[in-house]
Amino acid sequence: MLAYGYEVKGSPEALADVREVKGMKNCWINWNNFNTGDLYWDGNGNGYKVEINHEAKQVTLNEW
């Protein structure tokens, strides 16, 4: 899925959350603030480990 300029893949639950955020007005995800090893928290409080390549604009969100 393309979200905020990055190709995002990973856990179906994490992708569903990113899709939900994309549909909200006045909400966005700034992938530039993330580094590999960070956690992405969804709206239900579930954490996903981030693997990110800023040069290739790719993010993977894995279950933590």
N, C-alpha and C. Protein backbone atom coordinates (compact mmCIF):
# COMPACT_ATOMS: atom_id res chain seq x y z
N MET A 1 0.84 -1.16 0.00
CA MET A 1 0.00 0.00 0.00
C MET A 1 0.89 1.24 0.00
N LEU A 2 0.47 2.26 -0.70
CA LEU A 2 1.19 3.53 -0.72
C LEU A 2 0.54 4.44 0.32
N ALA A 3 1.33 4.94 1.25
CA ALA A 3 0.80 5.82 2.29
C ALA A 3 1.82 6.91 2.60
N TYR A 4 1.43 8.12 2.34
CA TYR A 4 2.25 9.29 2.67
C TYR A 4 3.63 9.23 2.03
N GLY A 5 3.66 8.79 0.79
CA GLY A 5 4.89 8.78 0.02
C GLY A 5 5.78 7.56 0.21
N TYR A 6 5.35 6.60 1.02
CA TYR A 6 6.13 5.39 1.28
C TYR A 6 5.31 4.16 0.89
N GLU A 7 6.00 3.14 0.41
CA GLU A 7 5.37 1.84 0.18
C GLU A 7 5.38 1.12 1.53
N VAL A 8 4.19 0.77 2.01
CA VAL A 8 4.04 0.17 3.34
C VAL A 8 3.57 -1.26 3.19
N LYS A 9 4.24 -2.19 3.90
CA LYS A 9 3.81 -3.58 3.92
C LYS A 9 4.00 -4.13 5.32
N GLY A 10 3.48 -5.33 5.55
CA GLY A 10 3.63 -5.95 6.84
C GLY A 10 2.36 -6.58 7.35
N SER A 11 2.18 -6.56 8.65
CA SER A 11 1.05 -7.18 9.32
C SER A 11 -0.28 -6.63 8.80
N PRO A 12 -1.24 -7.51 8.50
CA PRO A 12 -2.54 -7.05 8.02
C PRO A 12 -3.22 -6.08 9.00
N GLU A 13 -3.04 -6.30 10.30
CA GLU A 13 -3.64 -5.41 11.29
C GLU A 13 -3.01 -4.02 11.23
N ALA A 14 -1.70 -3.96 11.07
CA ALA A 14 -1.01 -2.68 10.97
C ALA A 14 -1.43 -1.95 9.69
N LEU A 15 -1.54 -2.68 8.59
CA LEU A 15 -1.95 -2.06 7.34
C LEU A 15 -3.38 -1.53 7.44
N ALA A 16 -4.24 -2.24 8.15
CA ALA A 16 -5.62 -1.77 8.34
C ALA A 16 -5.62 -0.46 9.12
N ASP A 17 -4.73 -0.34 10.10
CA ASP A 17 -4.66 0.89 10.88
C ASP A 17 -4.14 2.04 10.01
N VAL A 18 -3.12 1.79 9.21
CA VAL A 18 -2.59 2.83 8.33
C VAL A 18 -3.69 3.27 7.36
N ARG A 19 -4.44 2.32 6.83
CA ARG A 19 -5.54 2.63 5.92
C ARG A 19 -6.57 3.52 6.62
N GLU A 20 -6.87 3.22 7.87
CA GLU A 20 -7.83 4.01 8.64
C GLU A 20 -7.32 5.44 8.86
N VAL A 21 -6.04 5.57 9.20
CA VAL A 21 -5.46 6.90 9.41
C VAL A 21 -5.51 7.70 8.12
N LYS A 22 -5.23 7.04 6.99
CA LYS A 22 -5.28 7.72 5.69
C LYS A 22 -6.66 8.32 5.42
N GLY A 23 -7.70 7.69 5.94
CA GLY A 23 -9.06 8.16 5.72
C GLY A 23 -9.50 9.27 6.65
N MET A 24 -8.70 9.60 7.64
CA MET A 24 -9.05 10.65 8.60
C MET A 24 -8.58 12.01 8.12
N LYS A 25 -9.41 13.00 8.36
CA LYS A 25 -8.99 14.38 8.09
C LYS A 25 -8.13 14.85 9.25
N ASN A 26 -7.14 15.66 8.96
CA ASN A 26 -6.25 16.24 9.96
C ASN A 26 -5.39 15.20 10.69
N CYS A 27 -5.24 14.02 10.13
CA CYS A 27 -4.34 13.01 10.69
C CYS A 27 -3.44 12.51 9.58
N TRP A 28 -2.21 12.21 9.92
CA TRP A 28 -1.27 11.66 8.95
C TRP A 28 -0.14 10.98 9.70
N ILE A 29 0.65 10.23 8.96
CA ILE A 29 1.82 9.56 9.52
C ILE A 29 3.04 10.15 8.84
N ASN A 30 3.96 10.67 9.62
CA ASN A 30 5.19 11.23 9.08
C ASN A 30 6.28 10.17 9.21
N TRP A 31 6.45 9.39 8.14
CA TRP A 31 7.41 8.29 8.17
C TRP A 31 8.83 8.78 8.39
N ASN A 32 9.11 10.05 8.08
CA ASN A 32 10.46 10.59 8.28
C ASN A 32 10.87 10.58 9.74
N ASN A 33 9.91 10.54 10.65
CA ASN A 33 10.20 10.52 12.09
C ASN A 33 10.53 9.13 12.60
N PHE A 34 10.36 8.10 11.77
CA PHE A 34 10.59 6.72 12.19
C PHE A 34 11.97 6.24 11.77
N ASN A 35 12.53 5.36 12.60
CA ASN A 35 13.79 4.68 12.30
C ASN A 35 13.58 3.18 12.48
N THR A 36 14.41 2.37 11.85
CA THR A 36 14.34 0.93 12.05
C THR A 36 14.51 0.62 13.53
N GLY A 37 13.62 -0.23 14.04
CA GLY A 37 13.64 -0.59 15.44
C GLY A 37 12.61 0.16 16.27
N ASP A 38 12.07 1.26 15.73
CA ASP A 38 11.02 1.99 16.43
C ASP A 38 9.74 1.16 16.43
N LEU A 39 8.79 1.56 17.27
CA LEU A 39 7.49 0.91 17.29
C LEU A 39 6.44 1.85 16.72
N TYR A 40 5.57 1.30 15.91
CA TYR A 40 4.39 1.99 15.40
C TYR A 40 3.22 1.46 16.22
N TRP A 41 2.49 2.33 16.89
CA TRP A 41 1.36 1.94 17.72
C TRP A 41 0.07 2.20 16.97
N ASP A 42 -0.81 1.20 16.91
CA ASP A 42 -2.09 1.41 16.25
C ASP A 42 -3.10 1.98 17.25
N GLY A 43 -4.29 2.27 16.77
CA GLY A 43 -5.33 2.87 17.60
C GLY A 43 -5.83 1.97 18.71
N ASN A 44 -5.51 0.68 18.65
CA ASN A 44 -5.92 -0.27 19.69
C ASN A 44 -4.82 -0.53 20.71
N GLY A 45 -3.69 0.15 20.57
CA GLY A 45 -2.59 -0.02 21.51
C GLY A 45 -1.64 -1.15 21.17
N ASN A 46 -1.77 -1.71 19.97
CA ASN A 46 -0.86 -2.77 19.53
C ASN A 46 0.37 -2.14 18.89
N GLY A 47 1.55 -2.69 19.23
CA GLY A 47 2.79 -2.17 18.68
C GLY A 47 3.32 -3.02 17.54
N TYR A 48 3.92 -2.38 16.56
CA TYR A 48 4.51 -3.05 15.40
C TYR A 48 5.91 -2.51 15.21
N LYS A 49 6.86 -3.44 15.08
CA LYS A 49 8.26 -3.05 14.90
C LYS A 49 8.46 -2.51 13.49
N VAL A 50 9.12 -1.38 13.39
CA VAL A 50 9.33 -0.70 12.12
C VAL A 50 10.67 -1.11 11.52
N GLU A 51 10.63 -1.45 10.24
CA GLU A 51 11.83 -1.55 9.41
C GLU A 51 11.62 -0.54 8.30
N ILE A 52 12.53 0.40 8.16
CA ILE A 52 12.31 1.49 7.21
C ILE A 52 13.57 1.78 6.41
N ASN A 53 13.36 2.06 5.15
CA ASN A 53 14.44 2.47 4.25
C ASN A 53 14.00 3.80 3.66
N HIS A 54 14.54 4.88 4.20
CA HIS A 54 14.12 6.21 3.75
C HIS A 54 14.52 6.49 2.30
N GLU A 55 15.68 5.98 1.90
CA GLU A 55 16.13 6.22 0.52
C GLU A 55 15.20 5.57 -0.49
N ALA A 56 14.74 4.34 -0.20
CA ALA A 56 13.84 3.62 -1.10
C ALA A 56 12.38 3.94 -0.82
N LYS A 57 12.11 4.68 0.26
CA LYS A 57 10.75 5.03 0.68
C LYS A 57 9.91 3.78 0.90
N GLN A 58 10.43 2.86 1.72
CA GLN A 58 9.75 1.60 2.04
C GLN A 58 9.68 1.41 3.55
N VAL A 59 8.52 0.97 4.02
CA VAL A 59 8.29 0.69 5.44
C VAL A 59 7.69 -0.69 5.57
N THR A 60 8.19 -1.47 6.54
CA THR A 60 7.58 -2.75 6.89
C THR A 60 7.21 -2.68 8.36
N LEU A 61 5.96 -3.05 8.68
CA LEU A 61 5.45 -3.05 10.04
C LEU A 61 5.21 -4.50 10.46
N ASN A 62 6.04 -5.02 11.33
CA ASN A 62 5.96 -6.41 11.78
C ASN A 62 5.39 -6.50 13.18
N GLU A 63 4.63 -7.56 13.44
CA GLU A 63 4.08 -7.76 14.79
C GLU A 63 5.21 -7.79 15.79
N TRP A 64 4.98 -7.17 16.93
CA TRP A 64 6.00 -7.06 17.96
C TRP A 64 5.74 -8.03 19.06
